[in-house]
Amino acid sequence: KGLHEKEIEDLNRQKLEEEERKRKEKEEQQLKRQRVKEAQEKSQQRMEELKRKREEQKQEEERQLEERKNALMRTAAEAPLDATVERKFEPKKRSKKPKRDDDEYDPRLYVKGQVQVKVVKCTNLLKSDLIGKNDPYVVVSIGEQKFKTPTVRNTLNPEYNEKFVLDYDPAKNDAKRVKIQVWDNDRFRKDDLVGEVDV
């Protein structure tokens, strides 16, 4: 009889231990789910805060642009009328030589070959990110041909020292200039154009 009671006690103890183990596992799973939920909520809050700051920056830029526009309009309105007329109707000397823009579209000035472009560095780029500096890269293109430098992280003075060779055939390519663009890489939205130039 004593042995039987001991077996029953052992079974009851094992049952209690199993129930306790399951309870702890359930609590751990609930805790994990709670942590994941909290992390997702914090991430969502950060995204919303970043979106709000970007929107505020956009509104501020638009406000400043509108202020500059109004200032220019006030300056133009306050300028003397005779000075405006003199600038507008100032006589120009005629030249027999064609304008530079006309030269650019003269097919005789363009031959098939290669254009070599070396991107050395950029200095004092305009900051386009709210947090940290830019992540700039450079795109060099002529017509459909495009080449891109590596992205340099968190800097306004990136160095590349990248050399590109572009094939040019005036019979197949209507482009007359090489376009160089500086972009800011963005992980959460479309990349921002920092500046561009045609050469």
N, C-alpha and C. Protein backbone atom coordinates (compact mmCIF):
# COMPACT_ATOMS: atom_id res chain seq x y z
N LYS A 1 0.83 -1.21 0.00
CA LYS A 1 0.00 0.00 0.00
C LYS A 1 0.87 1.26 0.00
N GLY A 2 1.93 1.26 0.80
CA GLY A 2 2.83 2.42 0.83
C GLY A 2 3.50 2.66 -0.51
N LEU A 3 3.88 1.60 -1.18
CA LEU A 3 4.51 1.71 -2.50
C LEU A 3 3.54 2.29 -3.51
N HIS A 4 2.28 1.87 -3.43
CA HIS A 4 1.27 2.38 -4.36
C HIS A 4 1.04 3.86 -4.15
N GLU A 5 0.97 4.27 -2.91
CA GLU A 5 0.78 5.70 -2.63
C GLU A 5 1.97 6.52 -3.12
N LYS A 6 3.15 5.98 -3.00
CA LYS A 6 4.35 6.70 -3.48
C LYS A 6 4.31 6.87 -4.99
N GLU A 7 3.87 5.82 -5.69
CA GLU A 7 3.76 5.92 -7.15
C GLU A 7 2.75 6.99 -7.55
N ILE A 8 1.65 7.03 -6.79
CA ILE A 8 0.64 8.06 -7.09
C ILE A 8 1.20 9.45 -6.85
N GLU A 9 1.96 9.61 -5.76
CA GLU A 9 2.57 10.92 -5.47
C GLU A 9 3.55 11.31 -6.56
N ASP A 10 4.34 10.33 -7.04
CA ASP A 10 5.30 10.61 -8.11
C ASP A 10 4.57 11.05 -9.37
N LEU A 11 3.48 10.35 -9.69
CA LEU A 11 2.72 10.70 -10.89
C LEU A 11 2.12 12.11 -10.77
N ASN A 12 1.60 12.40 -9.58
CA ASN A 12 1.03 13.74 -9.37
C ASN A 12 2.10 14.82 -9.46
N ARG A 13 3.27 14.52 -8.89
CA ARG A 13 4.37 15.49 -8.96
C ARG A 13 4.81 15.71 -10.41
N GLN A 14 4.93 14.62 -11.17
CA GLN A 14 5.31 14.75 -12.58
C GLN A 14 4.27 15.54 -13.37
N LYS A 15 3.01 15.30 -13.04
CA LYS A 15 1.95 16.02 -13.71
C LYS A 15 2.03 17.51 -13.42
N LEU A 16 2.27 17.84 -12.15
CA LEU A 16 2.41 19.24 -11.77
C LEU A 16 3.62 19.89 -12.46
N GLU A 17 4.72 19.15 -12.49
CA GLU A 17 5.92 19.68 -13.14
C GLU A 17 5.68 19.91 -14.63
N GLU A 18 4.96 18.99 -15.29
CA GLU A 18 4.65 19.13 -16.71
C GLU A 18 3.75 20.34 -16.94
N GLU A 19 2.76 20.50 -16.06
CA GLU A 19 1.89 21.67 -16.18
C GLU A 19 2.65 22.96 -15.97
N GLU A 20 3.58 22.97 -15.01
CA GLU A 20 4.39 24.15 -14.75
C GLU A 20 5.29 24.47 -15.95
N ARG A 21 5.85 23.42 -16.55
CA ARG A 21 6.71 23.62 -17.73
C ARG A 21 5.92 24.22 -18.89
N LYS A 22 4.71 23.69 -19.12
CA LYS A 22 3.88 24.19 -20.20
C LYS A 22 3.47 25.64 -19.94
N ARG A 23 3.18 25.94 -18.66
CA ARG A 23 2.81 27.31 -18.32
C ARG A 23 3.94 28.28 -18.60
N LYS A 24 5.17 27.89 -18.25
CA LYS A 24 6.34 28.75 -18.49
C LYS A 24 6.58 28.93 -20.00
N GLU A 25 6.42 27.83 -20.75
CA GLU A 25 6.59 27.93 -22.20
C GLU A 25 5.57 28.88 -22.80
N LYS A 26 4.34 28.80 -22.32
CA LYS A 26 3.29 29.68 -22.82
C LYS A 26 3.60 31.13 -22.49
N GLU A 27 4.08 31.38 -21.26
CA GLU A 27 4.44 32.74 -20.87
C GLU A 27 5.59 33.28 -21.71
N GLU A 28 6.58 32.41 -22.00
CA GLU A 28 7.72 32.84 -22.83
C GLU A 28 7.26 33.18 -24.24
N GLN A 29 6.36 32.37 -24.80
CA GLN A 29 5.85 32.66 -26.14
C GLN A 29 5.08 33.97 -26.16
N GLN A 30 4.26 34.19 -25.12
CA GLN A 30 3.52 35.45 -25.05
C GLN A 30 4.47 36.63 -24.93
N LEU A 31 5.54 36.45 -24.14
CA LEU A 31 6.52 37.52 -23.96
C LEU A 31 7.23 37.81 -25.28
N LYS A 32 7.58 36.76 -26.02
CA LYS A 32 8.23 36.95 -27.32
C LYS A 32 7.32 37.70 -28.29
N ARG A 33 6.03 37.27 -28.33
CA ARG A 33 5.09 37.95 -29.22
C ARG A 33 4.92 39.41 -28.83
N GLN A 34 4.92 39.68 -27.53
CA GLN A 34 4.79 41.05 -27.06
C GLN A 34 6.00 41.89 -27.46
N ARG A 35 7.19 41.30 -27.35
CA ARG A 35 8.41 42.03 -27.74
C ARG A 35 8.42 42.32 -29.23
N VAL A 36 8.01 41.33 -30.04
CA VAL A 36 7.94 41.55 -31.48
C VAL A 36 6.95 42.65 -31.82
N LYS A 37 5.80 42.63 -31.16
CA LYS A 37 4.79 43.65 -31.39
C LYS A 37 5.31 45.03 -31.01
N GLU A 38 6.00 45.12 -29.85
CA GLU A 38 6.55 46.41 -29.42
C GLU A 38 7.60 46.91 -30.40
N ALA A 39 8.45 45.99 -30.91
CA ALA A 39 9.47 46.38 -31.88
C ALA A 39 8.83 46.89 -33.17
N GLN A 40 7.78 46.22 -33.62
CA GLN A 40 7.07 46.67 -34.82
C GLN A 40 6.43 48.03 -34.61
N GLU A 41 5.85 48.24 -33.44
CA GLU A 41 5.23 49.53 -33.15
C GLU A 41 6.28 50.65 -33.11
N LYS A 42 7.44 50.36 -32.50
CA LYS A 42 8.50 51.38 -32.47
C LYS A 42 9.01 51.68 -33.86
N SER A 43 9.16 50.64 -34.68
CA SER A 43 9.60 50.85 -36.06
C SER A 43 8.59 51.69 -36.83
N GLN A 44 7.32 51.40 -36.64
CA GLN A 44 6.28 52.18 -37.31
C GLN A 44 6.29 53.62 -36.84
N GLN A 45 6.50 53.83 -35.54
CA GLN A 45 6.56 55.19 -35.01
C GLN A 45 7.74 55.96 -35.60
N ARG A 46 8.91 55.26 -35.72
CA ARG A 46 10.08 55.93 -36.31
C ARG A 46 9.82 56.30 -37.76
N MET A 47 9.17 55.39 -38.51
CA MET A 47 8.86 55.68 -39.91
C MET A 47 7.91 56.87 -40.03
N GLU A 48 6.90 56.90 -39.16
CA GLU A 48 5.95 58.01 -39.19
C GLU A 48 6.62 59.33 -38.80
N GLU A 49 7.52 59.27 -37.82
CA GLU A 49 8.24 60.47 -37.41
C GLU A 49 9.14 60.97 -38.53
N LEU A 50 9.82 60.05 -39.21
CA LEU A 50 10.68 60.43 -40.33
C LEU A 50 9.86 61.03 -41.45
N LYS A 51 8.71 60.41 -41.73
CA LYS A 51 7.82 60.92 -42.77
C LYS A 51 7.33 62.32 -42.42
N ARG A 52 6.99 62.52 -41.14
CA ARG A 52 6.52 63.83 -40.70
C ARG A 52 7.61 64.89 -40.84
N LYS A 53 8.84 64.53 -40.47
CA LYS A 53 9.95 65.48 -40.58
C LYS A 53 10.23 65.83 -42.03
N ARG A 54 10.16 64.82 -42.90
CA ARG A 54 10.39 65.09 -44.33
C ARG A 54 9.30 66.02 -44.88
N GLU A 55 8.07 65.79 -44.45
CA GLU A 55 6.98 66.63 -44.90
C GLU A 55 7.17 68.06 -44.39
N GLU A 56 7.60 68.20 -43.14
CA GLU A 56 7.85 69.54 -42.60
C GLU A 56 8.99 70.23 -43.36
N GLN A 57 10.04 69.45 -43.70
CA GLN A 57 11.14 70.04 -44.45
C GLN A 57 10.67 70.49 -45.83
N LYS A 58 9.83 69.65 -46.47
CA LYS A 58 9.30 70.01 -47.79
C LYS A 58 8.47 71.29 -47.71
N GLN A 59 7.63 71.40 -46.69
CA GLN A 59 6.81 72.59 -46.52
C GLN A 59 7.67 73.82 -46.26
N GLU A 60 8.73 73.64 -45.46
CA GLU A 60 9.63 74.76 -45.17
C GLU A 60 10.36 75.21 -46.44
N GLU A 61 10.81 74.25 -47.26
CA GLU A 61 11.48 74.59 -48.52
C GLU A 61 10.52 75.32 -49.45
N GLU A 62 9.27 74.85 -49.52
CA GLU A 62 8.28 75.53 -50.36
C GLU A 62 8.00 76.94 -49.86
N ARG A 63 7.97 77.09 -48.52
CA ARG A 63 7.73 78.42 -47.95
C ARG A 63 8.88 79.37 -48.28
N GLN A 64 10.12 78.87 -48.12
CA GLN A 64 11.28 79.70 -48.45
C GLN A 64 11.31 80.07 -49.93
N LEU A 65 10.96 79.08 -50.78
CA LEU A 65 10.91 79.35 -52.22
C LEU A 65 9.88 80.41 -52.55
N GLU A 66 8.73 80.34 -51.89
CA GLU A 66 7.68 81.33 -52.12
C GLU A 66 8.12 82.70 -51.64
N GLU A 67 8.85 82.74 -50.51
CA GLU A 67 9.35 84.02 -50.01
C GLU A 67 10.36 84.64 -50.98
N ARG A 68 11.26 83.80 -51.52
CA ARG A 68 12.24 84.32 -52.50
C ARG A 68 11.53 84.82 -53.75
N LYS A 69 10.51 84.07 -54.18
CA LYS A 69 9.75 84.48 -55.36
C LYS A 69 9.07 85.82 -55.13
N ASN A 70 8.45 85.98 -53.96
CA ASN A 70 7.78 87.25 -53.65
C ASN A 70 8.78 88.39 -53.54
N ALA A 71 9.97 88.10 -52.97
CA ALA A 71 11.01 89.13 -52.86
C ALA A 71 11.47 89.59 -54.24
N LEU A 72 11.64 88.63 -55.16
CA LEU A 72 12.04 88.99 -56.53
C LEU A 72 10.97 89.82 -57.21
N MET A 73 9.71 89.46 -56.98
CA MET A 73 8.62 90.21 -57.60
C MET A 73 8.56 91.63 -57.04
N ARG A 74 8.79 91.77 -55.72
CA ARG A 74 8.81 93.11 -55.14
C ARG A 74 9.97 93.94 -55.68
N THR A 75 11.13 93.28 -55.83
CA THR A 75 12.30 93.99 -56.37
C THR A 75 12.04 94.46 -57.78
N ALA A 76 11.43 93.58 -58.59
CA ALA A 76 11.13 93.95 -59.97
C ALA A 76 10.12 95.09 -60.03
N ALA A 77 9.14 95.05 -59.11
CA ALA A 77 8.12 96.10 -59.11
C ALA A 77 8.69 97.44 -58.67
N GLU A 78 9.71 97.40 -57.80
CA GLU A 78 10.29 98.65 -57.29
C GLU A 78 11.40 99.18 -58.18
N ALA A 79 11.84 98.39 -59.17
CA ALA A 79 12.93 98.84 -60.05
C ALA A 79 12.46 99.98 -60.94
N PRO A 80 13.34 100.96 -61.27
CA PRO A 80 12.97 102.07 -62.15
C PRO A 80 12.54 101.57 -63.51
N LEU A 81 11.52 102.18 -64.07
CA LEU A 81 10.98 101.74 -65.36
C LEU A 81 11.98 101.94 -66.48
N ASP A 82 12.70 103.10 -66.46
CA ASP A 82 13.65 103.37 -67.55
C ASP A 82 14.78 102.36 -67.56
N ALA A 83 15.21 101.90 -66.38
CA ALA A 83 16.28 100.91 -66.33
C ALA A 83 15.81 99.60 -66.93
N THR A 84 14.57 99.25 -66.67
CA THR A 84 14.03 98.00 -67.22
C THR A 84 13.95 98.08 -68.74
N VAL A 85 13.48 99.22 -69.24
CA VAL A 85 13.36 99.38 -70.69
C VAL A 85 14.72 99.37 -71.34
N GLU A 86 15.69 100.05 -70.72
CA GLU A 86 17.03 100.08 -71.30
C GLU A 86 17.65 98.69 -71.38
N ARG A 87 17.45 97.88 -70.34
CA ARG A 87 18.00 96.53 -70.34
C ARG A 87 17.30 95.67 -71.39
N LYS A 88 15.99 95.85 -71.53
CA LYS A 88 15.21 95.01 -72.42
C LYS A 88 15.51 95.30 -73.88
N PHE A 89 15.69 96.58 -74.23
CA PHE A 89 15.86 96.96 -75.63
C PHE A 89 17.28 97.39 -75.95
N GLU A 90 18.24 96.92 -75.18
CA GLU A 90 19.63 97.26 -75.46
C GLU A 90 20.04 96.65 -76.79
N PRO A 91 20.55 97.45 -77.71
CA PRO A 91 20.92 96.91 -79.04
C PRO A 91 22.07 95.93 -78.94
N LYS A 92 22.03 94.92 -79.79
CA LYS A 92 23.07 93.90 -79.81
C LYS A 92 23.76 93.90 -81.16
N LYS A 93 25.06 93.67 -81.12
CA LYS A 93 25.84 93.59 -82.34
C LYS A 93 25.60 92.24 -83.02
N ARG A 94 25.35 92.30 -84.29
CA ARG A 94 25.15 91.07 -85.03
C ARG A 94 26.48 90.46 -85.43
N SER A 95 26.51 89.17 -85.42
CA SER A 95 27.73 88.47 -85.79
C SER A 95 27.41 87.47 -86.88
N LYS A 96 28.32 87.32 -87.82
CA LYS A 96 28.13 86.37 -88.89
C LYS A 96 28.37 84.93 -88.43
N LYS A 97 29.08 84.78 -87.30
CA LYS A 97 29.37 83.44 -86.80
C LYS A 97 28.12 82.84 -86.19
N PRO A 98 27.89 81.58 -86.37
CA PRO A 98 26.70 80.94 -85.76
C PRO A 98 26.84 80.86 -84.26
N LYS A 99 25.69 80.83 -83.57
CA LYS A 99 25.70 80.72 -82.12
C LYS A 99 26.22 79.36 -81.70
N ARG A 100 26.66 79.30 -80.43
CA ARG A 100 27.16 78.03 -79.90
C ARG A 100 26.08 76.95 -79.95
N ASP A 101 24.83 77.36 -79.65
CA ASP A 101 23.74 76.38 -79.68
C ASP A 101 23.54 75.81 -81.08
N ASP A 102 23.76 76.66 -82.10
CA ASP A 102 23.65 76.18 -83.47
C ASP A 102 24.77 75.20 -83.79
N ASP A 103 25.97 75.48 -83.27
CA ASP A 103 27.10 74.58 -83.51
C ASP A 103 26.84 73.20 -82.93
N GLU A 104 26.16 73.17 -81.79
CA GLU A 104 25.93 71.89 -81.14
C GLU A 104 25.10 70.95 -81.99
N TYR A 105 24.30 71.48 -82.89
CA TYR A 105 23.44 70.64 -83.71
C TYR A 105 23.93 70.53 -85.15
N ASP A 106 25.15 70.96 -85.40
CA ASP A 106 25.76 70.79 -86.71
C ASP A 106 26.36 69.38 -86.78
N PRO A 107 25.80 68.47 -87.58
CA PRO A 107 26.28 67.08 -87.60
C PRO A 107 27.73 66.95 -88.06
N ARG A 108 28.26 67.95 -88.73
CA ARG A 108 29.65 67.87 -89.21
C ARG A 108 30.67 67.95 -88.07
N LEU A 109 30.21 68.41 -86.90
CA LEU A 109 31.13 68.57 -85.77
C LEU A 109 31.24 67.31 -84.92
N TYR A 110 30.49 66.25 -85.25
CA TYR A 110 30.46 65.07 -84.43
C TYR A 110 30.86 63.84 -85.24
N VAL A 111 31.76 63.05 -84.66
CA VAL A 111 32.25 61.84 -85.33
C VAL A 111 32.13 60.66 -84.38
N LYS A 112 32.12 59.47 -84.94
CA LYS A 112 32.02 58.26 -84.14
C LYS A 112 33.30 58.05 -83.34
N GLY A 113 33.17 57.67 -82.09
CA GLY A 113 34.35 57.43 -81.26
C GLY A 113 33.95 57.13 -79.82
N GLN A 114 34.87 57.44 -78.91
CA GLN A 114 34.64 57.18 -77.49
C GLN A 114 34.88 58.45 -76.68
N VAL A 115 34.12 58.58 -75.60
CA VAL A 115 34.26 59.71 -74.69
C VAL A 115 34.70 59.15 -73.33
N GLN A 116 35.82 59.64 -72.83
CA GLN A 116 36.32 59.20 -71.53
C GLN A 116 35.99 60.24 -70.47
N VAL A 117 35.36 59.78 -69.40
CA VAL A 117 34.98 60.66 -68.30
C VAL A 117 35.54 60.09 -67.00
N LYS A 118 36.23 60.92 -66.24
CA LYS A 118 36.75 60.50 -64.94
C LYS A 118 36.08 61.31 -63.85
N VAL A 119 35.39 60.64 -62.96
CA VAL A 119 34.74 61.28 -61.83
C VAL A 119 35.69 61.21 -60.63
N VAL A 120 36.24 62.34 -60.25
CA VAL A 120 37.24 62.38 -59.18
C VAL A 120 36.57 62.51 -57.82
N LYS A 121 35.82 63.59 -57.61
CA LYS A 121 35.21 63.82 -56.30
C LYS A 121 34.15 64.90 -56.41
N CYS A 122 33.38 65.06 -55.34
CA CYS A 122 32.43 66.16 -55.18
C CYS A 122 32.77 66.89 -53.89
N THR A 123 32.52 68.19 -53.86
CA THR A 123 32.82 68.96 -52.66
C THR A 123 31.62 69.84 -52.29
N ASN A 124 31.38 69.91 -51.00
CA ASN A 124 30.35 70.80 -50.44
C ASN A 124 28.98 70.57 -51.07
N LEU A 125 28.56 69.31 -51.11
CA LEU A 125 27.23 69.00 -51.65
C LEU A 125 26.14 69.55 -50.72
N LEU A 126 25.01 69.86 -51.30
CA LEU A 126 23.88 70.29 -50.49
C LEU A 126 23.32 69.11 -49.71
N LYS A 127 23.03 69.31 -48.45
CA LYS A 127 22.49 68.24 -47.61
C LYS A 127 21.02 68.03 -47.93
N SER A 128 20.63 66.78 -48.17
CA SER A 128 19.24 66.47 -48.51
C SER A 128 18.59 65.54 -47.50
N ASP A 129 19.36 65.02 -46.52
CA ASP A 129 18.80 64.12 -45.51
C ASP A 129 18.56 64.88 -44.21
N LEU A 130 17.49 64.52 -43.50
CA LEU A 130 17.21 65.14 -42.21
C LEU A 130 18.17 64.64 -41.15
N ILE A 131 18.50 63.36 -41.22
CA ILE A 131 19.37 62.74 -40.22
C ILE A 131 20.68 62.36 -40.90
N GLY A 132 21.79 62.82 -40.39
CA GLY A 132 23.08 62.50 -40.98
C GLY A 132 23.33 63.27 -42.27
N LYS A 133 24.37 62.86 -42.99
CA LYS A 133 24.72 63.52 -44.24
C LYS A 133 24.20 62.70 -45.41
N ASN A 134 24.61 63.09 -46.62
CA ASN A 134 24.15 62.40 -47.82
C ASN A 134 24.87 61.07 -48.00
N ASP A 135 24.28 60.23 -48.85
CA ASP A 135 24.92 59.00 -49.33
C ASP A 135 25.03 59.12 -50.85
N PRO A 136 25.97 59.95 -51.34
CA PRO A 136 25.96 60.32 -52.76
C PRO A 136 26.60 59.29 -53.68
N TYR A 137 26.08 59.28 -54.90
CA TYR A 137 26.69 58.56 -56.01
C TYR A 137 26.50 59.38 -57.28
N VAL A 138 27.31 59.12 -58.30
CA VAL A 138 27.29 59.90 -59.53
C VAL A 138 26.88 59.01 -60.70
N VAL A 139 26.01 59.55 -61.54
CA VAL A 139 25.57 58.86 -62.76
C VAL A 139 26.05 59.66 -63.96
N VAL A 140 26.79 58.99 -64.85
CA VAL A 140 27.30 59.61 -66.08
C VAL A 140 26.57 58.96 -67.25
N SER A 141 25.99 59.76 -68.13
CA SER A 141 25.21 59.18 -69.22
C SER A 141 25.32 60.02 -70.48
N ILE A 142 25.13 59.34 -71.61
CA ILE A 142 24.99 60.00 -72.91
C ILE A 142 24.01 59.14 -73.71
N GLY A 143 22.87 59.71 -74.01
CA GLY A 143 21.84 58.92 -74.66
C GLY A 143 21.34 57.83 -73.72
N GLU A 144 21.33 56.59 -74.21
CA GLU A 144 20.86 55.46 -73.41
C GLU A 144 21.96 54.84 -72.55
N GLN A 145 23.21 55.22 -72.77
CA GLN A 145 24.32 54.67 -71.99
C GLN A 145 24.40 55.35 -70.62
N LYS A 146 24.51 54.54 -69.59
CA LYS A 146 24.60 55.08 -68.24
C LYS A 146 25.65 54.31 -67.44
N PHE A 147 26.42 55.06 -66.66
CA PHE A 147 27.39 54.46 -65.75
C PHE A 147 27.21 55.10 -64.38
N LYS A 148 27.42 54.30 -63.35
CA LYS A 148 27.17 54.76 -61.98
C LYS A 148 28.37 54.45 -61.10
N THR A 149 28.75 55.41 -60.27
CA THR A 149 29.82 55.19 -59.31
C THR A 149 29.28 54.45 -58.09
N PRO A 150 30.15 53.89 -57.26
CA PRO A 150 29.68 53.34 -55.98
C PRO A 150 29.13 54.45 -55.09
N THR A 151 28.28 54.09 -54.16
CA THR A 151 27.73 55.04 -53.19
C THR A 151 28.70 55.22 -52.02
N VAL A 152 28.96 56.46 -51.68
CA VAL A 152 29.81 56.78 -50.53
C VAL A 152 28.90 57.22 -49.39
N ARG A 153 28.98 56.56 -48.27
CA ARG A 153 28.03 56.77 -47.19
C ARG A 153 28.38 57.99 -46.32
N ASN A 154 27.34 58.72 -45.96
CA ASN A 154 27.38 59.75 -44.92
C ASN A 154 28.50 60.78 -45.13
N THR A 155 28.44 61.50 -46.25
CA THR A 155 29.45 62.52 -46.53
C THR A 155 28.90 63.55 -47.50
N LEU A 156 29.43 64.77 -47.42
CA LEU A 156 29.12 65.83 -48.39
C LEU A 156 30.30 66.10 -49.30
N ASN A 157 31.39 65.35 -49.10
CA ASN A 157 32.60 65.51 -49.92
C ASN A 157 33.12 64.14 -50.36
N PRO A 158 32.34 63.43 -51.18
CA PRO A 158 32.74 62.06 -51.57
C PRO A 158 33.88 62.06 -52.58
N GLU A 159 34.69 61.03 -52.53
CA GLU A 159 35.75 60.82 -53.51
C GLU A 159 35.51 59.49 -54.22
N TYR A 160 35.66 59.48 -55.55
CA TYR A 160 35.36 58.30 -56.35
C TYR A 160 36.56 57.80 -57.15
N ASN A 161 37.17 58.71 -57.94
CA ASN A 161 38.27 58.33 -58.82
C ASN A 161 37.86 57.17 -59.74
N GLU A 162 36.67 57.33 -60.33
CA GLU A 162 36.14 56.32 -61.24
C GLU A 162 36.25 56.84 -62.68
N LYS A 163 36.66 55.96 -63.59
CA LYS A 163 36.81 56.33 -64.99
C LYS A 163 35.84 55.52 -65.84
N PHE A 164 35.13 56.21 -66.75
CA PHE A 164 34.15 55.56 -67.61
C PHE A 164 34.47 55.87 -69.07
N VAL A 165 34.20 54.93 -69.92
CA VAL A 165 34.38 55.10 -71.36
C VAL A 165 33.02 54.90 -72.03
N LEU A 166 32.53 55.95 -72.69
CA LEU A 166 31.23 55.90 -73.34
C LEU A 166 31.41 55.86 -74.86
N ASP A 167 30.74 54.96 -75.51
CA ASP A 167 30.76 54.87 -76.97
C ASP A 167 29.82 55.91 -77.55
N TYR A 168 30.29 56.58 -78.62
CA TYR A 168 29.45 57.62 -79.24
C TYR A 168 29.41 57.42 -80.74
N ASP A 169 28.19 57.40 -81.27
CA ASP A 169 27.97 57.29 -82.71
C ASP A 169 26.87 58.27 -83.08
N PRO A 170 27.20 59.38 -83.75
CA PRO A 170 26.18 60.39 -84.07
C PRO A 170 25.07 59.86 -84.96
N ALA A 171 25.35 58.75 -85.68
CA ALA A 171 24.31 58.18 -86.53
C ALA A 171 23.25 57.45 -85.72
N LYS A 172 23.60 57.02 -84.49
CA LYS A 172 22.67 56.26 -83.66
C LYS A 172 22.24 57.02 -82.40
N ASN A 173 22.95 58.08 -82.07
CA ASN A 173 22.72 58.78 -80.81
C ASN A 173 22.44 60.25 -81.09
N ASP A 174 21.26 60.73 -80.68
CA ASP A 174 20.91 62.14 -80.87
C ASP A 174 21.50 63.05 -79.81
N ALA A 175 21.96 62.47 -78.69
CA ALA A 175 22.52 63.28 -77.60
C ALA A 175 23.81 63.96 -78.05
N LYS A 176 23.96 65.21 -77.66
CA LYS A 176 25.16 65.97 -78.03
C LYS A 176 26.02 66.33 -76.82
N ARG A 177 25.55 65.98 -75.64
CA ARG A 177 26.31 66.30 -74.43
C ARG A 177 26.30 65.12 -73.48
N VAL A 178 27.30 65.10 -72.60
CA VAL A 178 27.38 64.10 -71.54
C VAL A 178 26.69 64.67 -70.30
N LYS A 179 25.74 63.93 -69.75
CA LYS A 179 25.02 64.38 -68.58
C LYS A 179 25.65 63.75 -67.33
N ILE A 180 25.95 64.58 -66.35
CA ILE A 180 26.52 64.12 -65.08
C ILE A 180 25.56 64.53 -63.96
N GLN A 181 25.08 63.54 -63.22
CA GLN A 181 24.13 63.79 -62.14
C GLN A 181 24.67 63.24 -60.82
N VAL A 182 24.41 63.97 -59.75
CA VAL A 182 24.76 63.52 -58.40
C VAL A 182 23.46 63.22 -57.67
N TRP A 183 23.35 61.99 -57.16
CA TRP A 183 22.15 61.54 -56.47
C TRP A 183 22.48 61.20 -55.02
N ASP A 184 21.46 61.32 -54.17
CA ASP A 184 21.58 60.90 -52.77
C ASP A 184 20.79 59.61 -52.59
N ASN A 185 21.49 58.53 -52.26
CA ASN A 185 20.84 57.23 -52.07
C ASN A 185 19.97 57.26 -50.81
N ASP A 186 18.76 56.77 -50.93
CA ASP A 186 17.83 56.74 -49.80
C ASP A 186 17.22 55.35 -49.67
N ARG A 187 17.26 54.80 -48.47
CA ARG A 187 16.76 53.44 -48.27
C ARG A 187 15.24 53.36 -48.18
N PHE A 188 14.60 54.47 -47.76
CA PHE A 188 13.17 54.41 -47.46
C PHE A 188 12.31 55.07 -48.52
N ARG A 189 12.90 55.78 -49.48
CA ARG A 189 12.10 56.43 -50.50
C ARG A 189 12.94 56.62 -51.75
N LYS A 190 12.39 57.30 -52.73
CA LYS A 190 13.09 57.52 -53.99
C LYS A 190 14.33 58.36 -53.77
N ASP A 191 15.42 58.03 -54.48
CA ASP A 191 16.65 58.79 -54.35
C ASP A 191 16.45 60.23 -54.74
N ASP A 192 17.20 61.14 -54.07
CA ASP A 192 17.08 62.58 -54.32
C ASP A 192 18.16 63.04 -55.29
N LEU A 193 17.77 63.87 -56.26
CA LEU A 193 18.73 64.47 -57.18
C LEU A 193 19.37 65.67 -56.49
N VAL A 194 20.68 65.63 -56.28
CA VAL A 194 21.40 66.72 -55.61
C VAL A 194 21.78 67.80 -56.61
N GLY A 195 22.21 67.41 -57.80
CA GLY A 195 22.59 68.38 -58.82
C GLY A 195 22.97 67.67 -60.11
N GLU A 196 23.03 68.44 -61.20
CA GLU A 196 23.39 67.86 -62.49
C GLU A 196 24.02 68.93 -63.38
N VAL A 197 24.76 68.46 -64.38
CA VAL A 197 25.39 69.37 -65.33
C VAL A 197 25.57 68.62 -66.65
N ASP A 198 25.46 69.35 -67.77
CA ASP A 198 25.71 68.79 -69.09
C ASP A 198 27.04 69.36 -69.61
N VAL A 199 27.90 68.48 -70.12
CA VAL A 199 29.19 68.93 -70.65
C VAL A 199 29.39 68.37 -72.05
